[in-house]
């Protein structure tokens, strides 16, 4: 896990997300029906099938 990725993950955990799956390159987090991917550069992407 990169430093930027750890920082973005920490912010999401504070808002109520929980880690769903942790891979080598991305981390999948979930809060209700909202799934997001934390990329290696610290960026966030909404996972496919995520509701708004």
PDB file of N, CA and C in Angstrom:
ATOM      1  N   UNK A   1       0.850  -1.160   0.000  1.00  0.00           N
ATOM      2  CA  UNK A   1       0.000   0.000   0.000  1.00  0.00           C
ATOM      3  C   UNK A   1       0.904   1.234   0.000  1.00  0.00           C
ATOM      4  N   UNK A   2       0.590   2.172  -0.886  1.00  0.00           N
ATOM      5  CA  UNK A   2       1.375   3.395  -0.977  1.00  0.00           C
ATOM      6  C   UNK A   2       0.927   4.388   0.089  1.00  0.00           C
ATOM      7  N   UNK A   3       1.725   5.421   0.295  1.00  0.00           N
ATOM      8  CA  UNK A   3       1.385   6.439   1.283  1.00  0.00           C
ATOM      9  C   UNK A   3       0.116   7.190   0.924  1.00  0.00           C
ATOM     10  N   UNK A   4      -0.020   7.551  -0.358  1.00  0.00           N
ATOM     11  CA  UNK A   4      -1.220   8.263  -0.806  1.00  0.00           C
ATOM     12  C   UNK A   4      -2.457   7.391  -0.660  1.00  0.00           C
ATOM     13  N   UNK A   5      -2.306   6.116  -0.938  1.00  0.00           N
ATOM     14  CA  UNK A   5      -3.415   5.171  -0.819  1.00  0.00           C
ATOM     15  C   UNK A   5      -3.824   5.012   0.648  1.00  0.00           C
ATOM     16  N   UNK A   6      -2.861   4.951   1.540  1.00  0.00           N
ATOM     17  CA  UNK A   6      -3.153   4.820   2.968  1.00  0.00           C
ATOM     18  C   UNK A   6      -3.863   6.055   3.502  1.00  0.00           C
ATOM     19  N   UNK A   7      -3.453   7.227   3.033  1.00  0.00           N
ATOM     20  CA  UNK A   7      -4.073   8.473   3.479  1.00  0.00           C
ATOM     21  C   UNK A   7      -5.520   8.561   3.006  1.00  0.00           C
ATOM     22  N   UNK A   8      -5.774   8.215   1.746  1.00  0.00           N
ATOM     23  CA  UNK A   8      -7.140   8.239   1.214  1.00  0.00           C
ATOM     24  C   UNK A   8      -8.010   7.211   1.930  1.00  0.00           C
ATOM     25  N   UNK A   9      -7.461   6.049   2.215  1.00  0.00           N
ATOM     26  CA  UNK A   9      -8.205   5.005   2.922  1.00  0.00           C
ATOM     27  C   UNK A   9      -8.560   5.456   4.335  1.00  0.00           C
ATOM     28  N   UNK A  10      -7.631   6.112   5.004  1.00  0.00           N
ATOM     29  CA  UNK A  10      -7.881   6.591   6.366  1.00  0.00           C
ATOM     30  C   UNK A  10      -9.027   7.600   6.384  1.00  0.00           C
ATOM     31  N   UNK A  11      -9.080   8.492   5.397  1.00  0.00           N
ATOM     32  CA  UNK A  11     -10.163   9.476   5.319  1.00  0.00           C
ATOM     33  C   UNK A  11     -11.503   8.797   5.091  1.00  0.00           C
ATOM     34  N   UNK A  12     -11.534   7.772   4.241  1.00  0.00           N
ATOM     35  CA  UNK A  12     -12.782   7.057   3.984  1.00  0.00           C
ATOM     36  C   UNK A  12     -13.243   6.285   5.218  1.00  0.00           C
ATOM     37  N   UNK A  13     -12.316   5.708   5.952  1.00  0.00           N
ATOM     38  CA  UNK A  13     -12.682   4.969   7.161  1.00  0.00           C
ATOM     39  C   UNK A  13     -13.278   5.900   8.216  1.00  0.00           C
ATOM     40  N   UNK A  14     -12.796   7.128   8.285  1.00  0.00           N
ATOM     41  CA  UNK A  14     -13.337   8.100   9.238  1.00  0.00           C
ATOM     42  C   UNK A  14     -14.764   8.501   8.902  1.00  0.00           C
ATOM     43  N   UNK A  15     -15.130   8.442   7.619  1.00  0.00           N
ATOM     44  CA  UNK A  15     -16.466   8.843   7.173  1.00  0.00           C
ATOM     45  C   UNK A  15     -17.461   7.687   7.277  1.00  0.00           C
ATOM     46  N   UNK A  16     -16.986   6.479   7.554  1.00  0.00           N
ATOM     47  CA  UNK A  16     -17.900   5.364   7.754  1.00  0.00           C
ATOM     48  C   UNK A  16     -17.782   4.234   6.755  1.00  0.00           C
ATOM     49  N   UNK A  17     -16.828   4.299   5.842  1.00  0.00           N
ATOM     50  CA  UNK A  17     -16.614   3.199   4.907  1.00  0.00           C
ATOM     51  C   UNK A  17     -15.887   2.075   5.630  1.00  0.00           C
ATOM     52  N   UNK A  18     -16.032   0.852   5.119  1.00  0.00           N
ATOM     53  CA  UNK A  18     -15.277  -0.278   5.651  1.00  0.00           C
ATOM     54  C   UNK A  18     -14.604  -0.996   4.490  1.00  0.00           C
ATOM     55  N   UNK A  19     -13.488  -1.642   4.774  1.00  0.00           N
ATOM     56  CA  UNK A  19     -12.717  -2.329   3.738  1.00  0.00           C
ATOM     57  C   UNK A  19     -13.450  -3.604   3.351  1.00  0.00           C
ATOM     58  N   UNK A  20     -13.772  -3.714   2.076  1.00  0.00           N
ATOM     59  CA  UNK A  20     -14.454  -4.894   1.546  1.00  0.00           C
ATOM     60  C   UNK A  20     -13.420  -5.903   1.034  1.00  0.00           C
ATOM     61  N   UNK A  21     -12.414  -5.398   0.305  1.00  0.00           N
ATOM     62  CA  UNK A  21     -11.420  -6.279  -0.295  1.00  0.00           C
ATOM     63  C   UNK A  21     -10.133  -5.492  -0.487  1.00  0.00           C
ATOM     64  N   UNK A  22      -8.995  -6.107  -0.182  1.00  0.00           N
ATOM     65  CA  UNK A  22      -7.715  -5.432  -0.327  1.00  0.00           C
ATOM     66  C   UNK A  22      -6.852  -6.234  -1.289  1.00  0.00           C
ATOM     67  N   UNK A  23      -6.554  -5.642  -2.436  1.00  0.00           N
ATOM     68  CA  UNK A  23      -5.728  -6.302  -3.429  1.00  0.00           C
ATOM     69  C   UNK A  23      -4.343  -5.684  -3.487  1.00  0.00           C
ATOM     70  N   UNK A  24      -3.549  -6.098  -4.469  1.00  0.00           N
ATOM     71  CA  UNK A  24      -2.195  -5.565  -4.598  1.00  0.00           C
ATOM     72  C   UNK A  24      -2.197  -4.128  -5.107  1.00  0.00           C
ATOM     73  N   UNK A  25      -3.166  -3.795  -5.969  1.00  0.00           N
ATOM     74  CA  UNK A  25      -3.162  -2.470  -6.583  1.00  0.00           C
ATOM     75  C   UNK A  25      -4.310  -1.579  -6.150  1.00  0.00           C
ATOM     76  N   UNK A  26      -5.437  -2.153  -5.813  1.00  0.00           N
ATOM     77  CA  UNK A  26      -6.598  -1.356  -5.404  1.00  0.00           C
ATOM     78  C   UNK A  26      -7.196  -1.907  -4.114  1.00  0.00           C
ATOM     79  N   UNK A  27      -7.894  -1.029  -3.406  1.00  0.00           N
ATOM     80  CA  UNK A  27      -8.619  -1.415  -2.199  1.00  0.00           C
ATOM     81  C   UNK A  27     -10.079  -1.072  -2.437  1.00  0.00           C
ATOM     82  N   UNK A  28     -10.962  -2.030  -2.213  1.00  0.00           N
ATOM     83  CA  UNK A  28     -12.396  -1.821  -2.405  1.00  0.00           C
ATOM     84  C   UNK A  28     -13.022  -1.546  -1.045  1.00  0.00           C
ATOM     85  N   UNK A  29     -13.710  -0.395  -0.932  1.00  0.00           N
ATOM     86  CA  UNK A  29     -14.371  -0.032   0.322  1.00  0.00           C
ATOM     87  C   UNK A  29     -15.864   0.101   0.079  1.00  0.00           C
ATOM     88  N   UNK A  30     -16.650  -0.060   1.136  1.00  0.00           N
ATOM     89  CA  UNK A  30     -18.106  -0.075   1.005  1.00  0.00           C
ATOM     90  C   UNK A  30     -18.741   0.686   2.153  1.00  0.00           C
ATOM     91  N   UNK A  31     -19.827   1.406   1.824  1.00  0.00           N
ATOM     92  CA  UNK A  31     -20.711   2.009   2.830  1.00  0.00           C
ATOM     93  C   UNK A  31     -22.115   1.909   2.263  1.00  0.00           C
ATOM     94  N   UNK A  32     -22.904   0.983   2.783  1.00  0.00           N
ATOM     95  CA  UNK A  32     -24.244   0.750   2.244  1.00  0.00           C
ATOM     96  C   UNK A  32     -24.149   0.198   0.833  1.00  0.00           C
ATOM     97  N   UNK A  33     -24.763   0.888  -0.129  1.00  0.00           N
ATOM     98  CA  UNK A  33     -24.699   0.476  -1.535  1.00  0.00           C
ATOM     99  C   UNK A  33     -23.624   1.226  -2.305  1.00  0.00           C
ATOM    100  N   UNK A  34     -22.800   1.980  -1.628  1.00  0.00           N
ATOM    101  CA  UNK A  34     -21.762   2.795  -2.260  1.00  0.00           C
ATOM    102  C   UNK A  34     -20.427   2.063  -2.173  1.00  0.00           C
ATOM    103  N   UNK A  35     -19.914   1.624  -3.309  1.00  0.00           N
ATOM    104  CA  UNK A  35     -18.622   0.946  -3.386  1.00  0.00           C
ATOM    105  C   UNK A  35     -17.634   1.868  -4.076  1.00  0.00           C
ATOM    106  N   UNK A  36     -16.434   1.988  -3.542  1.00  0.00           N
ATOM    107  CA  UNK A  36     -15.404   2.811  -4.160  1.00  0.00           C
ATOM    108  C   UNK A  36     -14.089   2.055  -4.182  1.00  0.00           C
ATOM    109  N   UNK A  37     -13.275   2.386  -5.174  1.00  0.00           N
ATOM    110  CA  UNK A  37     -11.953   1.797  -5.303  1.00  0.00           C
ATOM    111  C   UNK A  37     -10.918   2.863  -4.966  1.00  0.00           C
ATOM    112  N   UNK A  38      -9.971   2.532  -4.106  1.00  0.00           N
ATOM    113  CA  UNK A  38      -8.871   3.432  -3.775  1.00  0.00           C
ATOM    114  C   UNK A  38      -7.682   2.990  -4.615  1.00  0.00           C
ATOM    115  N   UNK A  39      -7.253   3.846  -5.541  1.00  0.00           N
ATOM    116  CA  UNK A  39      -6.163   3.519  -6.450  1.00  0.00           C
ATOM    117  C   UNK A  39      -4.814   3.771  -5.787  1.00  0.00           C
ATOM    118  N   UNK A  40      -3.731   3.311  -6.420  1.00  0.00           N
ATOM    119  CA  UNK A  40      -2.393   3.438  -5.844  1.00  0.00           C
ATOM    120  C   UNK A  40      -1.953   4.886  -5.690  1.00  0.00           C
ATOM    121  N   UNK A  41      -2.439   5.774  -6.562  1.00  0.00           N
ATOM    122  CA  UNK A  41      -2.053   7.184  -6.468  1.00  0.00           C
ATOM    123  C   UNK A  41      -2.926   7.958  -5.480  1.00  0.00           C
ATOM    124  N   UNK A  42      -3.819   7.272  -4.772  1.00  0.00           N
ATOM    125  CA  UNK A  42      -4.687   7.916  -3.798  1.00  0.00           C
ATOM    126  C   UNK A  42      -6.010   8.378  -4.374  1.00  0.00           C
ATOM    127  N   UNK A  43      -6.195   8.194  -5.672  1.00  0.00           N
ATOM    128  CA  UNK A  43      -7.446   8.589  -6.317  1.00  0.00           C
ATOM    129  C   UNK A  43      -8.571   7.622  -5.991  1.00  0.00           C
ATOM    130  N   UNK A  44      -9.788   8.112  -6.150  1.00  0.00           N
ATOM    131  CA  UNK A  44     -10.971   7.295  -5.879  1.00  0.00           C
ATOM    132  C   UNK A  44     -11.751   7.092  -7.163  1.00  0.00           C
ATOM    133  N   UNK A  45     -12.336   5.922  -7.315  1.00  0.00           N
ATOM    134  CA  UNK A  45     -13.217   5.608  -8.438  1.00  0.00           C
ATOM    135  C   UNK A  45     -14.437   4.919  -7.883  1.00  0.00           C
ATOM    136  N   UNK A  46     -15.579   5.264  -8.428  1.00  0.00           N
ATOM    137  CA  UNK A  46     -16.800   4.565  -8.049  1.00  0.00           C
ATOM    138  C   UNK A  46     -16.799   3.215  -8.749  1.00  0.00           C
ATOM    139  N   UNK A  47     -17.009   2.159  -7.999  1.00  0.00           N
ATOM    140  CA  UNK A  47     -16.984   0.812  -8.570  1.00  0.00           C
ATOM    141  C   UNK A  47     -18.202   0.594  -9.462  1.00  0.00           C
ATOM    142  N   UNK A  48     -18.077  -0.277 -10.443  1.00  0.00           N
ATOM    143  CA  UNK A  48     -19.191  -0.556 -11.347  1.00  0.00           C
ATOM    144  C   UNK A  48     -20.365  -1.123 -10.563  1.00  0.00           C
ATOM    145  N   UNK A  49     -21.551  -0.632 -10.858  1.00  0.00           N
ATOM    146  CA  UNK A  49     -22.750  -1.104 -10.196  1.00  0.00           C
ATOM    147  C   UNK A  49     -23.059  -0.355  -8.915  1.00  0.00           C
ATOM    148  N   UNK A  50     -22.248   0.641  -8.573  1.00  0.00           N
ATOM    149  CA  UNK A  50     -22.485   1.403  -7.344  1.00  0.00           C
ATOM    150  C   UNK A  50     -23.652   2.359  -7.548  1.00  0.00           C
ATOM    151  N   UNK A  51     -24.513   2.431  -6.562  1.00  0.00           N
ATOM    152  CA  UNK A  51     -25.645   3.354  -6.635  1.00  0.00           C
ATOM    153  C   UNK A  51     -25.231   4.702  -6.089  1.00  0.00           C
ATOM    154  N   UNK A  52     -25.883   5.734  -6.586  1.00  0.00           N
ATOM    155  CA  UNK A  52     -25.570   7.090  -6.115  1.00  0.00           C
ATOM    156  C   UNK A  52     -26.457   7.507  -5.006  1.00  0.00           C
TER     157      UNK A  52
END
